[in-house]
PDB file of all heavy atoms in Angstrom:
ATOM      1  N   LEU A   1       0.829  -1.203  -0.002  1.00  0.00           N
ATOM      2  CA  LEU A   1       0.001   0.000   0.002  1.00  0.00           C
ATOM      3  C   LEU A   1       0.865   1.259   0.001  1.00  0.00           C
ATOM      4  O   LEU A   1       0.528   2.260  -0.637  1.00  0.00           O
ATOM      5  CB  LEU A   1      -0.925  -0.007   1.213  1.00  0.00           C
ATOM      6  CG  LEU A   1      -2.024  -1.075   1.198  1.00  0.00           C
ATOM      7  CD1 LEU A   1      -2.784  -1.074   2.529  1.00  0.00           C
ATOM      8  CD2 LEU A   1      -2.992  -0.843   0.050  1.00  0.00           C
ATOM      9  N   LEU A   2       1.975   1.216   0.713  1.00  0.00           N
ATOM     10  CA  LEU A   2       2.868   2.381   0.751  1.00  0.00           C
ATOM     11  C   LEU A   2       3.466   2.652  -0.614  1.00  0.00           C
ATOM     12  O   LEU A   2       3.528   3.807  -1.067  1.00  0.00           O
ATOM     13  CB  LEU A   2       3.969   2.136   1.788  1.00  0.00           C
ATOM     14  CG  LEU A   2       4.868   3.324   2.124  1.00  0.00           C
ATOM     15  CD1 LEU A   2       4.057   4.445   2.763  1.00  0.00           C
ATOM     16  CD2 LEU A   2       5.991   2.895   3.062  1.00  0.00           C
ATOM     17  N   ILE A   3       3.911   1.606  -1.292  1.00  0.00           N
ATOM     18  CA  ILE A   3       4.457   1.764  -2.645  1.00  0.00           C
ATOM     19  C   ILE A   3       3.385   2.304  -3.598  1.00  0.00           C
ATOM     20  O   ILE A   3       3.645   3.210  -4.400  1.00  0.00           O
ATOM     21  CB  ILE A   3       5.023   0.428  -3.143  1.00  0.00           C
ATOM     22  CG1 ILE A   3       6.248   0.023  -2.313  1.00  0.00           C
ATOM     23  CG2 ILE A   3       5.386   0.515  -4.628  1.00  0.00           C
ATOM     24  CD1 ILE A   3       6.736  -1.377  -2.583  1.00  0.00           C
ATOM     25  N   ARG A   4       2.187   1.753  -3.505  1.00  0.00           N
ATOM     26  CA  ARG A   4       1.088   2.223  -4.356  1.00  0.00           C
ATOM     27  C   ARG A   4       0.799   3.704  -4.102  1.00  0.00           C
ATOM     28  O   ARG A   4       0.528   4.470  -5.037  1.00  0.00           O
ATOM     29  CB  ARG A   4      -0.167   1.389  -4.073  1.00  0.00           C
ATOM     30  CG  ARG A   4      -1.387   1.766  -4.911  1.00  0.00           C
ATOM     31  CD  ARG A   4      -1.233   1.310  -6.338  1.00  0.00           C
ATOM     32  NE  ARG A   4      -2.438   1.580  -7.109  1.00  0.00           N
ATOM     33  CZ  ARG A   4      -2.601   1.204  -8.372  1.00  0.00           C
ATOM     34  NH1 ARG A   4      -1.665   0.524  -8.992  1.00  0.00           N
ATOM     35  NH2 ARG A   4      -3.726   1.479  -9.006  1.00  0.00           N
ATOM     36  N   PHE A   5       0.867   4.100  -2.851  1.00  0.00           N
ATOM     37  CA  PHE A   5       0.605   5.497  -2.492  1.00  0.00           C
ATOM     38  C   PHE A   5       1.582   6.438  -3.191  1.00  0.00           C
ATOM     39  O   PHE A   5       1.179   7.425  -3.810  1.00  0.00           O
ATOM     40  CB  PHE A   5       0.714   5.639  -0.971  1.00  0.00           C
ATOM     41  CG  PHE A   5       0.624   7.058  -0.475  1.00  0.00           C
ATOM     42  CD1 PHE A   5      -0.605   7.663  -0.281  1.00  0.00           C
ATOM     43  CD2 PHE A   5       1.772   7.787  -0.192  1.00  0.00           C
ATOM     44  CE1 PHE A   5      -0.699   8.973   0.178  1.00  0.00           C
ATOM     45  CE2 PHE A   5       1.689   9.094   0.262  1.00  0.00           C
ATOM     46  CZ  PHE A   5       0.455   9.678   0.456  1.00  0.00           C
ATOM     47  N   PHE A   6       2.874   6.124  -3.106  1.00  0.00           N
ATOM     48  CA  PHE A   6       3.874   7.040  -3.654  1.00  0.00           C
ATOM     49  C   PHE A   6       3.956   6.977  -5.175  1.00  0.00           C
ATOM     50  O   PHE A   6       4.433   7.924  -5.797  1.00  0.00           O
ATOM     51  CB  PHE A   6       5.243   6.738  -3.046  1.00  0.00           C
ATOM     52  CG  PHE A   6       5.395   7.247  -1.644  1.00  0.00           C
ATOM     53  CD1 PHE A   6       5.432   6.382  -0.571  1.00  0.00           C
ATOM     54  CD2 PHE A   6       5.488   8.611  -1.387  1.00  0.00           C
ATOM     55  CE1 PHE A   6       5.566   6.847   0.719  1.00  0.00           C
ATOM     56  CE2 PHE A   6       5.630   9.098  -0.099  1.00  0.00           C
ATOM     57  CZ  PHE A   6       5.660   8.208   0.968  1.00  0.00           C
ATOM     58  N   THR A   7       3.491   5.895  -5.774  1.00  0.00           N
ATOM     59  CA  THR A   7       3.553   5.790  -7.236  1.00  0.00           C
ATOM     60  C   THR A   7       2.266   6.227  -7.924  1.00  0.00           C
ATOM     61  O   THR A   7       2.164   6.148  -9.149  1.00  0.00           O
ATOM     62  CB  THR A   7       3.858   4.334  -7.649  1.00  0.00           C
ATOM     63  OG1 THR A   7       2.878   3.455  -7.103  1.00  0.00           O
ATOM     64  CG2 THR A   7       5.247   3.940  -7.182  1.00  0.00           C
ATOM     65  N   THR A   8       1.289   6.703  -7.146  1.00  0.00           N
ATOM     66  CA  THR A   8       0.020   7.152  -7.738  1.00  0.00           C
ATOM     67  C   THR A   8      -0.342   8.564  -7.289  1.00  0.00           C
ATOM     68  O   THR A   8      -1.497   8.900  -7.098  1.00  0.00           O
ATOM     69  CB  THR A   8      -1.125   6.192  -7.383  1.00  0.00           C
ATOM     70  OG1 THR A   8      -1.175   6.005  -5.960  1.00  0.00           O
ATOM     71  CG2 THR A   8      -0.944   4.842  -8.056  1.00  0.00           C
ATOM     72  N   GLY A   9       0.648   9.391  -7.080  1.00  0.00           N
ATOM     73  CA  GLY A   9       0.399  10.809  -6.815  1.00  0.00           C
ATOM     74  C   GLY A   9      -0.057  11.129  -5.417  1.00  0.00           C
ATOM     75  O   GLY A   9      -0.738  12.136  -5.209  1.00  0.00           O
ATOM     76  N   GLY A  10       0.303  10.325  -4.424  1.00  0.00           N
ATOM     77  CA  GLY A  10      -0.164  10.581  -3.067  1.00  0.00           C
ATOM     78  C   GLY A  10       0.590  11.655  -2.318  1.00  0.00           C
ATOM     79  O   GLY A  10       0.048  12.305  -1.428  1.00  0.00           O
ATOM     80  N   LEU A  11       1.858  11.865  -2.670  1.00  0.00           N
ATOM     81  CA  LEU A  11       2.691  12.774  -1.885  1.00  0.00           C
ATOM     82  C   LEU A  11       2.163  14.207  -1.842  1.00  0.00           C
ATOM     83  O   LEU A  11       2.161  14.823  -0.773  1.00  0.00           O
ATOM     84  CB  LEU A  11       4.126  12.750  -2.427  1.00  0.00           C
ATOM     85  CG  LEU A  11       5.171  13.496  -1.591  1.00  0.00           C
ATOM     86  CD1 LEU A  11       5.213  12.928  -0.180  1.00  0.00           C
ATOM     87  CD2 LEU A  11       6.549  13.409  -2.254  1.00  0.00           C
ATOM     88  N   PRO A  12       1.707  14.793  -2.980  1.00  0.00           N
ATOM     89  CA  PRO A  12       1.169  16.165  -2.892  1.00  0.00           C
ATOM     90  C   PRO A  12      -0.015  16.276  -1.935  1.00  0.00           C
ATOM     91  O   PRO A  12      -0.157  17.278  -1.239  1.00  0.00           O
ATOM     92  CB  PRO A  12       0.749  16.468  -4.333  1.00  0.00           C
ATOM     93  CG  PRO A  12       1.598  15.575  -5.178  1.00  0.00           C
ATOM     94  CD  PRO A  12       1.741  14.318  -4.370  1.00  0.00           C
ATOM     95  N   MET A  13      -0.866  15.252  -1.887  1.00  0.00           N
ATOM     96  CA  MET A  13      -2.003  15.278  -0.973  1.00  0.00           C
ATOM     97  C   MET A  13      -1.523  15.165   0.477  1.00  0.00           C
ATOM     98  O   MET A  13      -2.064  15.805   1.380  1.00  0.00           O
ATOM     99  CB  MET A  13      -2.966  14.138  -1.313  1.00  0.00           C
ATOM    100  CG  MET A  13      -3.552  14.235  -2.705  1.00  0.00           C
ATOM    101  SD  MET A  13      -4.487  12.766  -3.178  1.00  0.00           S
ATOM    102  CE  MET A  13      -5.854  12.878  -2.038  1.00  0.00           C
ATOM    103  N   LEU A  14      -0.506  14.348   0.697  1.00  0.00           N
ATOM    104  CA  LEU A  14       0.043  14.181   2.040  1.00  0.00           C
ATOM    105  C   LEU A  14       0.573  15.503   2.586  1.00  0.00           C
ATOM    106  O   LEU A  14       0.419  15.813   3.766  1.00  0.00           O
ATOM    107  CB  LEU A  14       1.152  13.135   2.011  1.00  0.00           C
ATOM    108  CG  LEU A  14       1.773  12.739   3.354  1.00  0.00           C
ATOM    109  CD1 LEU A  14       0.726  12.090   4.253  1.00  0.00           C
ATOM    110  CD2 LEU A  14       2.950  11.795   3.133  1.00  0.00           C
ATOM    111  N   LYS A  15       1.171  16.301   1.714  1.00  0.00           N
ATOM    112  CA  LYS A  15       1.755  17.572   2.144  1.00  0.00           C
ATOM    113  C   LYS A  15       0.704  18.590   2.560  1.00  0.00           C
ATOM    114  O   LYS A  15       1.009  19.542   3.285  1.00  0.00           O
ATOM    115  CB  LYS A  15       2.609  18.153   1.020  1.00  0.00           C
ATOM    116  CG  LYS A  15       3.879  17.354   0.745  1.00  0.00           C
ATOM    117  CD  LYS A  15       4.673  17.967  -0.401  1.00  0.00           C
ATOM    118  CE  LYS A  15       5.965  17.192  -0.656  1.00  0.00           C
ATOM    119  NZ  LYS A  15       6.740  17.772  -1.786  1.00  0.00           N
ATOM    120  N   THR A  16      -0.546  18.439   2.095  1.00  0.00           N
ATOM    121  CA  THR A  16      -1.580  19.427   2.404  1.00  0.00           C
ATOM    122  C   THR A  16      -2.581  18.941   3.436  1.00  0.00           C
ATOM    123  O   THR A  16      -3.521  19.655   3.757  1.00  0.00           O
ATOM    124  CB  THR A  16      -2.365  19.809   1.136  1.00  0.00           C
ATOM    125  OG1 THR A  16      -3.037  18.658   0.625  1.00  0.00           O
ATOM    126  CG2 THR A  16      -1.440  20.360   0.073  1.00  0.00           C
ATOM    127  N   MET A  17      -2.382  17.735   3.993  1.00  0.00           N
ATOM    128  CA  MET A  17      -3.397  17.174   4.877  1.00  0.00           C
ATOM    129  C   MET A  17      -3.566  17.963   6.169  1.00  0.00           C
ATOM    130  O   MET A  17      -4.598  17.906   6.807  1.00  0.00           O
ATOM    131  CB  MET A  17      -3.092  15.716   5.200  1.00  0.00           C
ATOM    132  CG  MET A  17      -1.823  15.476   5.972  1.00  0.00           C
ATOM    133  SD  MET A  17      -1.565  13.704   6.251  1.00  0.00           S
ATOM    134  CE  MET A  17      -2.973  13.312   7.272  1.00  0.00           C
ATOM    135  N   GLY A  18      -2.558  18.732   6.560  1.00  0.00           N
ATOM    136  CA  GLY A  18      -2.685  19.528   7.766  1.00  0.00           C
ATOM    137  C   GLY A  18      -3.083  20.965   7.503  1.00  0.00           C
ATOM    138  O   GLY A  18      -3.142  21.774   8.415  1.00  0.00           O
ATOM    139  N   GLY A  19      -3.379  21.314   6.237  1.00  0.00           N
ATOM    140  CA  GLY A  19      -3.717  22.686   5.888  1.00  0.00           C
ATOM    141  C   GLY A  19      -5.153  23.043   6.169  1.00  0.00           C
ATOM    142  O   GLY A  19      -5.859  22.368   6.910  1.00  0.00           O
ATOM    143  N   GLY A  20      -5.598  24.133   5.549  1.00  0.00           N
ATOM    144  CA  GLY A  20      -6.952  24.594   5.743  1.00  0.00           C
ATOM    145  C   GLY A  20      -7.950  23.749   4.987  1.00  0.00           C
ATOM    146  O   GLY A  20      -7.590  22.974   4.089  1.00  0.00           O
ATOM    147  N   PRO A  21      -9.250  23.872   5.304  1.00  0.00           N
ATOM    148  CA  PRO A  21     -10.260  23.028   4.679  1.00  0.00           C
ATOM    149  C   PRO A  21     -10.415  23.257   3.193  1.00  0.00           C
ATOM    150  O   PRO A  21     -10.935  22.391   2.488  1.00  0.00           O
ATOM    151  CB  PRO A  21     -11.541  23.406   5.434  1.00  0.00           C
ATOM    152  CG  PRO A  21     -11.280  24.774   5.980  1.00  0.00           C
ATOM    153  CD  PRO A  21      -9.819  24.808   6.280  1.00  0.00           C
ATOM    154  N   ASP A  22      -9.979  24.406   2.689  1.00  0.00           N
ATOM    155  CA  ASP A  22     -10.129  24.693   1.266  1.00  0.00           C
ATOM    156  C   ASP A  22      -8.806  24.604   0.514  1.00  0.00           C
ATOM    157  O   ASP A  22      -8.718  24.965  -0.651  1.00  0.00           O
ATOM    158  CB  ASP A  22     -10.718  26.095   1.072  1.00  0.00           C
ATOM    159  CG  ASP A  22     -12.040  26.250   1.794  1.00  0.00           C
ATOM    160  OD1 ASP A  22     -12.852  25.313   1.725  1.00  0.00           O
ATOM    161  OD2 ASP A  22     -12.248  27.289   2.435  1.00  0.00           O
ATOM    162  N   ASP A  23      -7.758  24.104   1.183  1.00  0.00           N
ATOM    163  CA  ASP A  23      -6.438  24.059   0.555  1.00  0.00           C
ATOM    164  C   ASP A  23      -6.179  22.789  -0.227  1.00  0.00           C
ATOM    165  O   ASP A  23      -5.222  22.714  -0.984  1.00  0.00           O
ATOM    166  CB  ASP A  23      -5.335  24.191   1.619  1.00  0.00           C
ATOM    167  CG  ASP A  23      -5.340  25.556   2.285  1.00  0.00           C
ATOM    168  OD1 ASP A  23      -5.914  26.482   1.686  1.00  0.00           O
ATOM    169  OD2 ASP A  23      -4.776  25.680   3.380  1.00  0.00           O
ATOM    170  N   THR A  24      -7.008  21.767  -0.056  1.00  0.00           N
ATOM    171  CA  THR A  24      -6.684  20.465  -0.618  1.00  0.00           C
ATOM    172  C   THR A  24      -6.982  20.359  -2.104  1.00  0.00           C
ATOM    173  O   THR A  24      -6.538  19.421  -2.746  1.00  0.00           O
ATOM    174  CB  THR A  24      -7.479  19.361   0.099  1.00  0.00           C
ATOM    175  OG1 THR A  24      -8.871  19.644  -0.006  1.00  0.00           O
ATOM    176  CG2 THR A  24      -7.088  19.287   1.555  1.00  0.00           C
ATOM    177  N   GLN A  25      -7.701  21.298  -2.681  1.00  0.00           N
ATOM    178  CA  GLN A  25      -8.010  21.197  -4.108  1.00  0.00           C
ATOM    179  C   GLN A  25      -6.736  21.192  -4.945  1.00  0.00           C
ATOM    180  O   GLN A  25      -6.658  20.511  -5.964  1.00  0.00           O
ATOM    181  CB  GLN A  25      -8.923  22.355  -4.529  1.00  0.00           C
ATOM    182  CG  GLN A  25      -9.469  22.213  -5.951  1.00  0.00           C
ATOM    183  CD  GLN A  25     -10.315  20.950  -6.108  1.00  0.00           C
ATOM    184  OE1 GLN A  25     -11.173  20.670  -5.281  1.00  0.00           O
ATOM    185  NE2 GLN A  25     -10.052  20.190  -7.161  1.00  0.00           N
ATOM    186  N   HIS A  26      -5.714  21.944  -4.492  1.00  0.00           N
ATOM    187  CA  HIS A  26      -4.456  21.960  -5.237  1.00  0.00           C
ATOM    188  C   HIS A  26      -3.833  20.570  -5.259  1.00  0.00           C
ATOM    189  O   HIS A  26      -3.293  20.126  -6.271  1.00  0.00           O
ATOM    190  CB  HIS A  26      -3.482  22.960  -4.599  1.00  0.00           C
ATOM    191  CG  HIS A  26      -4.010  24.362  -4.585  1.00  0.00           C
ATOM    192  ND1 HIS A  26      -4.245  25.076  -5.737  1.00  0.00           N
ATOM    193  CD2 HIS A  26      -4.356  25.170  -3.543  1.00  0.00           C
ATOM    194  CE1 HIS A  26      -4.705  26.287  -5.414  1.00  0.00           C
ATOM    195  NE2 HIS A  26      -4.783  26.363  -4.100  1.00  0.00           N
ATOM    196  N   ALA A  27      -3.903  19.887  -4.128  1.00  0.00           N
ATOM    197  CA  ALA A  27      -3.348  18.541  -4.057  1.00  0.00           C
ATOM    198  C   ALA A  27      -4.137  17.589  -4.951  1.00  0.00           C
ATOM    199  O   ALA A  27      -3.551  16.741  -5.637  1.00  0.00           O
ATOM    200  CB  ALA A  27      -3.358  18.035  -2.619  1.00  0.00           C
ATOM    201  N   HIS A  28      -5.454  17.731  -4.963  1.00  0.00           N
ATOM    202  CA  HIS A  28      -6.268  16.872  -5.819  1.00  0.00           C
ATOM    203  C   HIS A  28      -5.987  17.143  -7.286  1.00  0.00           C
ATOM    204  O   HIS A  28      -5.975  16.223  -8.107  1.00  0.00           O
ATOM    205  CB  HIS A  28      -7.752  17.097  -5.531  1.00  0.00           C
ATOM    206  CG  HIS A  28      -8.222  16.426  -4.291  1.00  0.00           C
ATOM    207  ND1 HIS A  28      -8.262  15.059  -4.163  1.00  0.00           N
ATOM    208  CD2 HIS A  28      -8.663  16.930  -3.105  1.00  0.00           C
ATOM    209  CE1 HIS A  28      -8.725  14.739  -2.957  1.00  0.00           C
ATOM    210  NE2 HIS A  28      -8.959  15.856  -2.305  1.00  0.00           N
ATOM    211  N   ASP A  29      -5.749  18.424  -7.637  1.00  0.00           N
ATOM    212  CA  ASP A  29      -5.428  18.751  -9.023  1.00  0.00           C
ATOM    213  C   ASP A  29      -4.124  18.071  -9.439  1.00  0.00           C
ATOM    214  O   ASP A  29      -4.022  17.510 -10.529  1.00  0.00           O
ATOM    215  CB  ASP A  29      -5.310  20.268  -9.196  1.00  0.00           C
ATOM    216  CG  ASP A  29      -6.661  20.962  -9.042  1.00  0.00           C
ATOM    217  OD1 ASP A  29      -7.702  20.265  -9.149  1.00  0.00           O
ATOM    218  OD2 ASP A  29      -6.675  22.184  -8.810  1.00  0.00           O
ATOM    219  N   ALA A  30      -3.125  18.135  -8.542  1.00  0.00           N
ATOM    220  CA  ALA A  30      -1.852  17.487  -8.846  1.00  0.00           C
ATOM    221  C   ALA A  30      -2.025  15.977  -8.932  1.00  0.00           C
ATOM    222  O   ALA A  30      -1.443  15.308  -9.795  1.00  0.00           O
ATOM    223  CB  ALA A  30      -0.820  17.843  -7.766  1.00  0.00           C
ATOM    224  N   HIS A  31      -2.837  15.458  -8.058  1.00  0.00           N
ATOM    225  CA  HIS A  31      -3.122  14.012  -8.042  1.00  0.00           C
ATOM    226  C   HIS A  31      -3.793  13.591  -9.347  1.00  0.00           C
ATOM    227  O   HIS A  31      -3.392  12.611  -9.973  1.00  0.00           O
ATOM    228  CB  HIS A  31      -4.035  13.733  -6.844  1.00  0.00           C
ATOM    229  CG  HIS A  31      -4.649  12.367  -6.847  1.00  0.00           C
ATOM    230  ND1 HIS A  31      -3.992  11.248  -6.405  1.00  0.00           N
ATOM    231  CD2 HIS A  31      -5.876  11.950  -7.240  1.00  0.00           C
ATOM    232  CE1 HIS A  31      -4.780  10.191  -6.520  1.00  0.00           C
ATOM    233  NE2 HIS A  31      -5.926  10.596  -7.020  1.00  0.00           N
ATOM    234  N   ASP A  32      -4.795  14.340  -9.786  1.00  0.00           N
ATOM    235  CA  ASP A  32      -5.501  14.003 -11.020  1.00  0.00           C
ATOM    236  C   ASP A  32      -4.593  14.135 -12.239  1.00  0.00           C
ATOM    237  O   ASP A  32      -4.661  13.335 -13.164  1.00  0.00           O
ATOM    238  CB  ASP A  32      -6.727  14.902 -11.189  1.00  0.00           C
ATOM    239  CG  ASP A  32      -7.780  14.633 -10.115  1.00  0.00           C
ATOM    240  OD1 ASP A  32      -7.728  13.549  -9.522  1.00  0.00           O
ATOM    241  OD2 ASP A  32      -8.626  15.516  -9.895  1.00  0.00           O
ATOM    242  N   ALA A  33      -3.744  15.164 -12.223  1.00  0.00           N
ATOM    243  CA  ALA A  33      -2.814  15.341 -13.334  1.00  0.00           C
ATOM    244  C   ALA A  33      -1.857  14.161 -13.433  1.00  0.00           C
ATOM    245  O   ALA A  33      -1.531  13.681 -14.525  1.00  0.00           O
ATOM    246  CB  ALA A  33      -2.027  16.647 -13.163  1.00  0.00           C
ATOM    247  N   HIS A  34      -1.417  13.681 -12.285  1.00  0.00           N
ATOM    248  CA  HIS A  34      -0.518  12.526 -12.270  1.00  0.00           C
ATOM    249  C   HIS A  34      -1.197  11.305 -12.878  1.00  0.00           C
ATOM    250  O   HIS A  34      -0.613  10.579 -13.686  1.00  0.00           O
ATOM    251  CB  HIS A  34      -0.075  12.232 -10.831  1.00  0.00           C
ATOM    252  CG  HIS A  34       0.834  11.045 -10.707  1.00  0.00           C
ATOM    253  ND1 HIS A  34       0.364   9.744 -10.670  1.00  0.00           N
ATOM    254  CD2 HIS A  34       2.186  10.963 -10.622  1.00  0.00           C
ATOM    255  CE1 HIS A  34       1.381   8.912 -10.561  1.00  0.00           C
ATOM    256  NE2 HIS A  34       2.499   9.618 -10.518  1.00  0.00           N
ATOM    257  N   HIS A  35      -2.428  11.070 -12.497  1.00  0.00           N
ATOM    258  CA  HIS A  35      -3.147   9.912 -13.043  1.00  0.00           C
ATOM    259  C   HIS A  35      -3.411  10.078 -14.530  1.00  0.00           C
ATOM    260  O   HIS A  35      -3.398   9.098 -15.277  1.00  0.00           O
ATOM    261  CB  HIS A  35      -4.462   9.711 -12.284  1.00  0.00           C
ATOM    262  CG  HIS A  35      -4.252   9.099 -10.941  1.00  0.00           C
ATOM    263  ND1 HIS A  35      -3.812   7.820 -10.766  1.00  0.00           N
ATOM    264  CD2 HIS A  35      -4.417   9.615  -9.695  1.00  0.00           C
ATOM    265  CE1 HIS A  35      -3.715   7.546  -9.471  1.00  0.00           C
ATOM    266  NE2 HIS A  35      -4.071   8.616  -8.809  1.00  0.00           N
TER     267      HIS A  35
END
């Protein structure tokens, strides 16, 4: 699961998990672009 996480764009989302409630869209955009 850890390998799958890092090879499918998880790191940008991990970096924003402690941010504000409206900050995660950037991480999702990066995640979607990766996929």
